[in-house]
Amino acid sequence: MKKIINSPYAPKAIGAYNQAVQAGNYVYLSGQIALNPETGLMQSQVFEEQVHQVFRNMRSVCQATGGDLHDLVKLTVFLTDMVNFQSFNDIMQDYFLDIPYPARSVVACLDLPKNALIEIEGILFLES
């Protein structure tokens, strides 16, 4: 059985998708970019500020499932410039303190929607 997850505290989908879909104990989060959930506009053009907004957006979707960021088991990160790799690592540590990090892939890409500098998708595992 699958369940559609949407949070009013995360940006609305800008295409034909949902913020997340739950299948059993797993929740598959669609990619989040740094859109402000209230305005639907890009929060900033500064990479570090975009990372923080993406994690805030992801946290809102995770919380709509009854979980949180610490329940993420896999992240896929898309960067338009790998020069930002270390900065991303540093910021990510702020969101995953004192808990095991999720598995992760980082992929360089040419472009992202709305000229975002980063996009992150994830898989969440909810304990029964």
N, C-alpha and C. Protein backbone atom coordinates (compact mmCIF):
# COMPACT_ATOMS: atom_id res chain seq x y z
N MET A 1 0.84 -1.17 0.00
CA MET A 1 0.00 0.00 0.00
C MET A 1 0.89 1.24 0.00
N LYS A 2 0.55 2.21 -0.81
CA LYS A 2 1.34 3.44 -0.81
C LYS A 2 0.48 4.62 -0.36
N LYS A 3 1.18 5.60 0.19
CA LYS A 3 0.51 6.79 0.73
C LYS A 3 1.25 8.02 0.23
N ILE A 4 0.52 9.01 -0.22
CA ILE A 4 1.11 10.26 -0.70
C ILE A 4 1.35 11.18 0.49
N ILE A 5 2.53 11.78 0.55
CA ILE A 5 2.92 12.68 1.63
C ILE A 5 3.13 14.08 1.05
N ASN A 6 2.46 15.05 1.62
CA ASN A 6 2.67 16.45 1.27
C ASN A 6 2.62 17.29 2.54
N SER A 7 3.57 18.18 2.70
CA SER A 7 3.63 19.06 3.86
C SER A 7 3.34 20.50 3.43
N PRO A 8 2.49 21.21 4.16
CA PRO A 8 2.26 22.62 3.85
C PRO A 8 3.47 23.49 4.21
N TYR A 9 4.44 22.90 4.92
CA TYR A 9 5.63 23.65 5.35
C TYR A 9 6.82 23.44 4.43
N ALA A 10 6.60 22.74 3.33
CA ALA A 10 7.63 22.56 2.30
C ALA A 10 7.06 23.10 1.00
N PRO A 11 7.93 23.45 0.05
CA PRO A 11 7.43 24.00 -1.22
C PRO A 11 6.51 23.02 -1.95
N LYS A 12 5.50 23.55 -2.59
CA LYS A 12 4.62 22.74 -3.43
C LYS A 12 5.42 22.22 -4.62
N ALA A 13 5.02 21.07 -5.11
CA ALA A 13 5.67 20.48 -6.27
C ALA A 13 5.57 21.44 -7.47
N ILE A 14 6.65 21.52 -8.24
CA ILE A 14 6.65 22.39 -9.42
C ILE A 14 6.49 21.57 -10.70
N GLY A 15 6.04 20.35 -10.55
CA GLY A 15 5.84 19.46 -11.69
C GLY A 15 4.86 18.36 -11.32
N ALA A 16 4.87 17.31 -12.12
CA ALA A 16 3.95 16.19 -11.93
C ALA A 16 4.54 15.17 -10.96
N TYR A 17 4.59 15.53 -9.69
CA TYR A 17 5.12 14.65 -8.65
C TYR A 17 4.58 15.10 -7.30
N ASN A 18 4.77 14.28 -6.28
CA ASN A 18 4.43 14.62 -4.91
C ASN A 18 5.71 14.84 -4.12
N GLN A 19 5.60 15.49 -2.97
CA GLN A 19 6.78 15.71 -2.15
C GLN A 19 7.39 14.39 -1.70
N ALA A 20 6.55 13.40 -1.43
CA ALA A 20 7.04 12.09 -1.02
C ALA A 20 5.95 11.05 -1.20
N VAL A 21 6.38 9.79 -1.30
CA VAL A 21 5.47 8.67 -1.37
C VAL A 21 5.95 7.62 -0.38
N GLN A 22 5.04 7.18 0.50
CA GLN A 22 5.37 6.14 1.47
C GLN A 22 4.91 4.80 0.93
N ALA A 23 5.79 3.80 1.01
CA ALA A 23 5.48 2.43 0.63
C ALA A 23 5.97 1.55 1.77
N GLY A 24 5.04 1.06 2.57
CA GLY A 24 5.43 0.31 3.76
C GLY A 24 6.14 1.22 4.74
N ASN A 25 7.29 0.77 5.22
CA ASN A 25 8.06 1.57 6.17
C ASN A 25 9.02 2.55 5.49
N TYR A 26 9.07 2.52 4.17
CA TYR A 26 9.97 3.41 3.44
C TYR A 26 9.21 4.59 2.86
N VAL A 27 9.86 5.75 2.91
CA VAL A 27 9.30 6.96 2.32
C VAL A 27 10.33 7.49 1.32
N TYR A 28 9.91 7.72 0.10
CA TYR A 28 10.78 8.20 -0.97
C TYR A 28 10.50 9.68 -1.16
N LEU A 29 11.48 10.51 -0.79
CA LEU A 29 11.34 11.96 -0.88
C LEU A 29 11.79 12.44 -2.25
N SER A 30 10.95 13.20 -2.91
CA SER A 30 11.34 13.83 -4.17
C SER A 30 12.44 14.84 -3.91
N GLY A 31 13.17 15.18 -4.94
CA GLY A 31 14.24 16.16 -4.81
C GLY A 31 13.71 17.50 -4.33
N GLN A 32 14.45 18.08 -3.41
CA GLN A 32 14.13 19.41 -2.88
C GLN A 32 15.21 20.39 -3.33
N ILE A 33 14.76 21.53 -3.81
CA ILE A 33 15.67 22.64 -4.08
C ILE A 33 15.35 23.73 -3.07
N ALA A 34 16.05 24.82 -3.12
CA ALA A 34 15.96 25.86 -2.08
C ALA A 34 14.81 26.83 -2.29
N LEU A 35 13.63 26.30 -2.57
CA LEU A 35 12.46 27.17 -2.69
C LEU A 35 11.92 27.51 -1.32
N ASN A 36 11.52 28.75 -1.16
CA ASN A 36 10.86 29.19 0.06
C ASN A 36 9.44 28.64 0.00
N PRO A 37 9.00 27.89 1.03
CA PRO A 37 7.66 27.30 0.97
C PRO A 37 6.53 28.33 0.95
N GLU A 38 6.76 29.51 1.47
CA GLU A 38 5.70 30.52 1.51
C GLU A 38 5.55 31.26 0.19
N THR A 39 6.67 31.49 -0.50
CA THR A 39 6.61 32.27 -1.74
C THR A 39 6.74 31.43 -3.00
N GLY A 40 7.34 30.23 -2.88
CA GLY A 40 7.60 29.41 -4.05
C GLY A 40 8.78 29.90 -4.85
N LEU A 41 9.51 30.89 -4.33
CA LEU A 41 10.67 31.46 -5.03
C LEU A 41 11.97 30.94 -4.43
N MET A 42 13.03 30.99 -5.23
CA MET A 42 14.34 30.57 -4.76
C MET A 42 14.73 31.43 -3.57
N GLN A 43 15.15 30.78 -2.49
CA GLN A 43 15.48 31.48 -1.25
C GLN A 43 16.67 32.42 -1.42
N SER A 44 17.68 31.99 -2.17
CA SER A 44 18.92 32.76 -2.30
C SER A 44 19.71 32.21 -3.47
N GLN A 45 20.69 32.96 -3.93
CA GLN A 45 21.63 32.45 -4.93
C GLN A 45 22.97 32.10 -4.29
N VAL A 46 23.04 32.17 -2.97
CA VAL A 46 24.25 31.81 -2.23
C VAL A 46 24.17 30.32 -1.90
N PHE A 47 25.20 29.56 -2.28
CA PHE A 47 25.17 28.11 -2.13
C PHE A 47 24.84 27.68 -0.71
N GLU A 48 25.55 28.21 0.26
CA GLU A 48 25.36 27.78 1.66
C GLU A 48 23.93 28.03 2.14
N GLU A 49 23.35 29.14 1.76
CA GLU A 49 21.97 29.44 2.13
C GLU A 49 21.00 28.47 1.47
N GLN A 50 21.32 28.07 0.23
CA GLN A 50 20.48 27.09 -0.45
C GLN A 50 20.53 25.74 0.26
N VAL A 51 21.70 25.33 0.71
CA VAL A 51 21.81 24.05 1.41
C VAL A 51 20.93 24.06 2.66
N HIS A 52 21.02 25.11 3.44
CA HIS A 52 20.21 25.21 4.65
C HIS A 52 18.71 25.15 4.32
N GLN A 53 18.28 25.86 3.27
CA GLN A 53 16.86 25.84 2.90
C GLN A 53 16.44 24.45 2.45
N VAL A 54 17.28 23.77 1.70
CA VAL A 54 16.95 22.41 1.25
C VAL A 54 16.76 21.50 2.46
N PHE A 55 17.66 21.57 3.43
CA PHE A 55 17.50 20.72 4.62
C PHE A 55 16.26 21.10 5.43
N ARG A 56 15.93 22.38 5.49
CA ARG A 56 14.68 22.78 6.17
C ARG A 56 13.47 22.19 5.43
N ASN A 57 13.48 22.27 4.11
CA ASN A 57 12.39 21.71 3.32
C ASN A 57 12.28 20.20 3.53
N MET A 58 13.43 19.53 3.50
CA MET A 58 13.42 18.07 3.70
C MET A 58 12.91 17.72 5.08
N ARG A 59 13.33 18.47 6.09
CA ARG A 59 12.86 18.21 7.46
C ARG A 59 11.33 18.31 7.53
N SER A 60 10.76 19.31 6.86
CA SER A 60 9.30 19.47 6.87
C SER A 60 8.60 18.26 6.25
N VAL A 61 9.13 17.75 5.16
CA VAL A 61 8.53 16.57 4.53
C VAL A 61 8.71 15.36 5.43
N CYS A 62 9.89 15.19 6.00
CA CYS A 62 10.12 14.07 6.92
C CYS A 62 9.16 14.13 8.10
N GLN A 63 8.95 15.30 8.66
CA GLN A 63 8.07 15.45 9.81
C GLN A 63 6.61 15.16 9.44
N ALA A 64 6.24 15.42 8.20
CA ALA A 64 4.87 15.12 7.75
C ALA A 64 4.61 13.61 7.75
N THR A 65 5.66 12.80 7.77
CA THR A 65 5.52 11.34 7.81
C THR A 65 5.51 10.83 9.24
N GLY A 66 5.82 11.71 10.20
CA GLY A 66 5.99 11.27 11.58
C GLY A 66 7.44 11.00 11.90
N GLY A 67 8.31 11.22 10.93
CA GLY A 67 9.75 11.01 11.13
C GLY A 67 10.49 12.33 11.19
N ASP A 68 11.79 12.25 10.99
CA ASP A 68 12.64 13.45 10.96
C ASP A 68 13.88 13.13 10.15
N LEU A 69 14.78 14.09 10.04
CA LEU A 69 15.99 13.89 9.24
C LEU A 69 16.79 12.68 9.69
N HIS A 70 16.81 12.39 11.00
CA HIS A 70 17.61 11.26 11.48
C HIS A 70 17.08 9.92 11.01
N ASP A 71 15.88 9.90 10.41
CA ASP A 71 15.32 8.66 9.86
C ASP A 71 15.72 8.43 8.40
N LEU A 72 16.43 9.38 7.81
CA LEU A 72 16.89 9.21 6.43
C LEU A 72 17.97 8.13 6.38
N VAL A 73 17.82 7.22 5.42
CA VAL A 73 18.82 6.16 5.27
C VAL A 73 19.65 6.33 4.00
N LYS A 74 19.18 7.16 3.08
CA LYS A 74 19.91 7.38 1.82
C LYS A 74 19.62 8.77 1.29
N LEU A 75 20.65 9.48 0.88
CA LEU A 75 20.52 10.77 0.21
C LEU A 75 21.21 10.70 -1.14
N THR A 76 20.61 11.35 -2.12
CA THR A 76 21.28 11.59 -3.40
C THR A 76 21.33 13.10 -3.56
N VAL A 77 22.54 13.63 -3.71
CA VAL A 77 22.78 15.06 -3.75
C VAL A 77 23.26 15.42 -5.16
N PHE A 78 22.64 16.43 -5.74
CA PHE A 78 23.02 16.92 -7.06
C PHE A 78 23.61 18.32 -6.89
N LEU A 79 24.84 18.51 -7.36
CA LEU A 79 25.52 19.80 -7.28
C LEU A 79 25.84 20.29 -8.69
N THR A 80 25.61 21.56 -8.94
CA THR A 80 25.97 22.12 -10.24
C THR A 80 27.44 22.50 -10.31
N ASP A 81 28.12 22.50 -9.17
CA ASP A 81 29.55 22.82 -9.14
C ASP A 81 30.21 22.06 -7.99
N MET A 82 31.08 21.11 -8.32
CA MET A 82 31.71 20.29 -7.29
C MET A 82 32.66 21.08 -6.40
N VAL A 83 32.95 22.32 -6.74
CA VAL A 83 33.75 23.16 -5.86
C VAL A 83 33.02 23.35 -4.52
N ASN A 84 31.70 23.14 -4.51
CA ASN A 84 30.90 23.30 -3.29
C ASN A 84 30.81 22.02 -2.45
N PHE A 85 31.50 20.97 -2.86
CA PHE A 85 31.41 19.68 -2.18
C PHE A 85 31.77 19.78 -0.70
N GLN A 86 32.89 20.40 -0.37
CA GLN A 86 33.32 20.48 1.03
C GLN A 86 32.38 21.35 1.85
N SER A 87 31.92 22.44 1.28
CA SER A 87 30.98 23.31 1.98
C SER A 87 29.70 22.54 2.30
N PHE A 88 29.22 21.74 1.34
CA PHE A 88 28.05 20.91 1.59
C PHE A 88 28.30 19.95 2.74
N ASN A 89 29.45 19.27 2.73
CA ASN A 89 29.79 18.34 3.81
C ASN A 89 29.76 19.03 5.16
N ASP A 90 30.34 20.21 5.23
CA ASP A 90 30.39 20.95 6.50
C ASP A 90 28.99 21.28 7.00
N ILE A 91 28.13 21.74 6.12
CA ILE A 91 26.76 22.11 6.51
C ILE A 91 25.95 20.88 6.86
N MET A 92 26.12 19.80 6.12
CA MET A 92 25.36 18.58 6.39
C MET A 92 25.59 18.11 7.82
N GLN A 93 26.80 18.26 8.32
CA GLN A 93 27.11 17.83 9.68
C GLN A 93 26.26 18.57 10.72
N ASP A 94 25.82 19.79 10.41
CA ASP A 94 24.96 20.54 11.33
C ASP A 94 23.58 19.90 11.47
N TYR A 95 23.15 19.15 10.47
CA TYR A 95 21.81 18.57 10.47
C TYR A 95 21.79 17.11 10.92
N PHE A 96 22.95 16.51 11.07
CA PHE A 96 23.04 15.11 11.46
C PHE A 96 24.01 14.95 12.63
N LEU A 97 23.79 15.72 13.70
CA LEU A 97 24.64 15.65 14.88
C LEU A 97 24.32 14.41 15.70
N ASP A 98 25.34 13.76 16.21
CA ASP A 98 25.21 12.65 17.16
C ASP A 98 24.32 11.51 16.68
N ILE A 99 24.21 11.34 15.39
CA ILE A 99 23.47 10.20 14.86
C ILE A 99 24.25 9.65 13.67
N PRO A 100 24.04 8.42 13.30
CA PRO A 100 24.74 7.91 12.11
C PRO A 100 24.31 8.68 10.85
N TYR A 101 25.28 8.93 9.99
CA TYR A 101 24.96 9.57 8.72
C TYR A 101 24.23 8.58 7.81
N PRO A 102 23.35 9.09 6.94
CA PRO A 102 22.74 8.20 5.95
C PRO A 102 23.76 7.84 4.87
N ALA A 103 23.48 6.79 4.13
CA ALA A 103 24.26 6.51 2.92
C ALA A 103 24.04 7.69 1.98
N ARG A 104 25.02 7.94 1.09
CA ARG A 104 24.91 9.16 0.27
C ARG A 104 25.68 9.02 -1.03
N SER A 105 25.12 9.60 -2.06
CA SER A 105 25.82 9.78 -3.34
C SER A 105 25.78 11.26 -3.66
N VAL A 106 26.86 11.78 -4.25
CA VAL A 106 26.90 13.16 -4.72
C VAL A 106 27.20 13.12 -6.21
N VAL A 107 26.35 13.78 -6.97
CA VAL A 107 26.45 13.74 -8.43
C VAL A 107 26.60 15.17 -8.95
N ALA A 108 27.57 15.38 -9.81
CA ALA A 108 27.71 16.67 -10.48
C ALA A 108 26.72 16.69 -11.65
N CYS A 109 26.04 17.81 -11.81
CA CYS A 109 25.09 17.93 -12.91
C CYS A 109 25.24 19.30 -13.57
N LEU A 110 24.80 19.38 -14.78
CA LEU A 110 24.94 20.61 -15.56
C LEU A 110 24.01 21.71 -15.08
N ASP A 111 22.77 21.35 -14.75
CA ASP A 111 21.76 22.36 -14.43
C ASP A 111 20.68 21.73 -13.56
N LEU A 112 19.98 22.55 -12.80
CA LEU A 112 18.88 22.11 -11.96
C LEU A 112 17.70 23.05 -12.15
N PRO A 113 16.48 22.60 -11.81
CA PRO A 113 15.31 23.47 -11.96
C PRO A 113 15.50 24.80 -11.22
N LYS A 114 14.94 25.84 -11.80
CA LYS A 114 14.95 27.19 -11.20
C LYS A 114 16.37 27.71 -10.96
N ASN A 115 17.35 27.18 -11.70
CA ASN A 115 18.76 27.58 -11.54
C ASN A 115 19.30 27.30 -10.14
N ALA A 116 18.73 26.30 -9.48
CA ALA A 116 19.22 25.91 -8.15
C ALA A 116 20.67 25.43 -8.26
N LEU A 117 21.40 25.57 -7.17
CA LEU A 117 22.79 25.12 -7.11
C LEU A 117 22.91 23.74 -6.50
N ILE A 118 21.84 23.29 -5.83
CA ILE A 118 21.81 21.99 -5.16
C ILE A 118 20.40 21.44 -5.16
N GLU A 119 20.29 20.13 -5.25
CA GLU A 119 19.02 19.42 -5.06
C GLU A 119 19.35 18.15 -4.29
N ILE A 120 18.47 17.79 -3.37
CA ILE A 120 18.67 16.56 -2.60
C ILE A 120 17.37 15.76 -2.58
N GLU A 121 17.50 14.45 -2.86
CA GLU A 121 16.38 13.54 -2.69
C GLU A 121 16.79 12.51 -1.63
N GLY A 122 15.81 11.86 -1.03
CA GLY A 122 16.16 10.94 0.04
C GLY A 122 15.20 9.80 0.20
N ILE A 123 15.65 8.80 0.96
CA ILE A 123 14.83 7.67 1.35
C ILE A 123 14.83 7.64 2.87
N LEU A 124 13.65 7.58 3.41
CA LEU A 124 13.42 7.60 4.86
C LEU A 124 12.92 6.23 5.27
N PHE A 125 13.37 5.74 6.42
CA PHE A 125 12.86 4.49 6.97
C PHE A 125 12.18 4.79 8.29
N LEU A 126 10.92 4.39 8.39
CA LEU A 126 10.14 4.60 9.61
C LEU A 126 10.03 3.27 10.35
N GLU A 127 10.39 3.30 11.64
CA GLU A 127 10.25 2.10 12.46
C GLU A 127 8.78 1.80 12.65
N SER A 128 8.42 0.52 12.71
CA SER A 128 7.01 0.16 12.92
C SER A 128 6.65 0.32 14.38
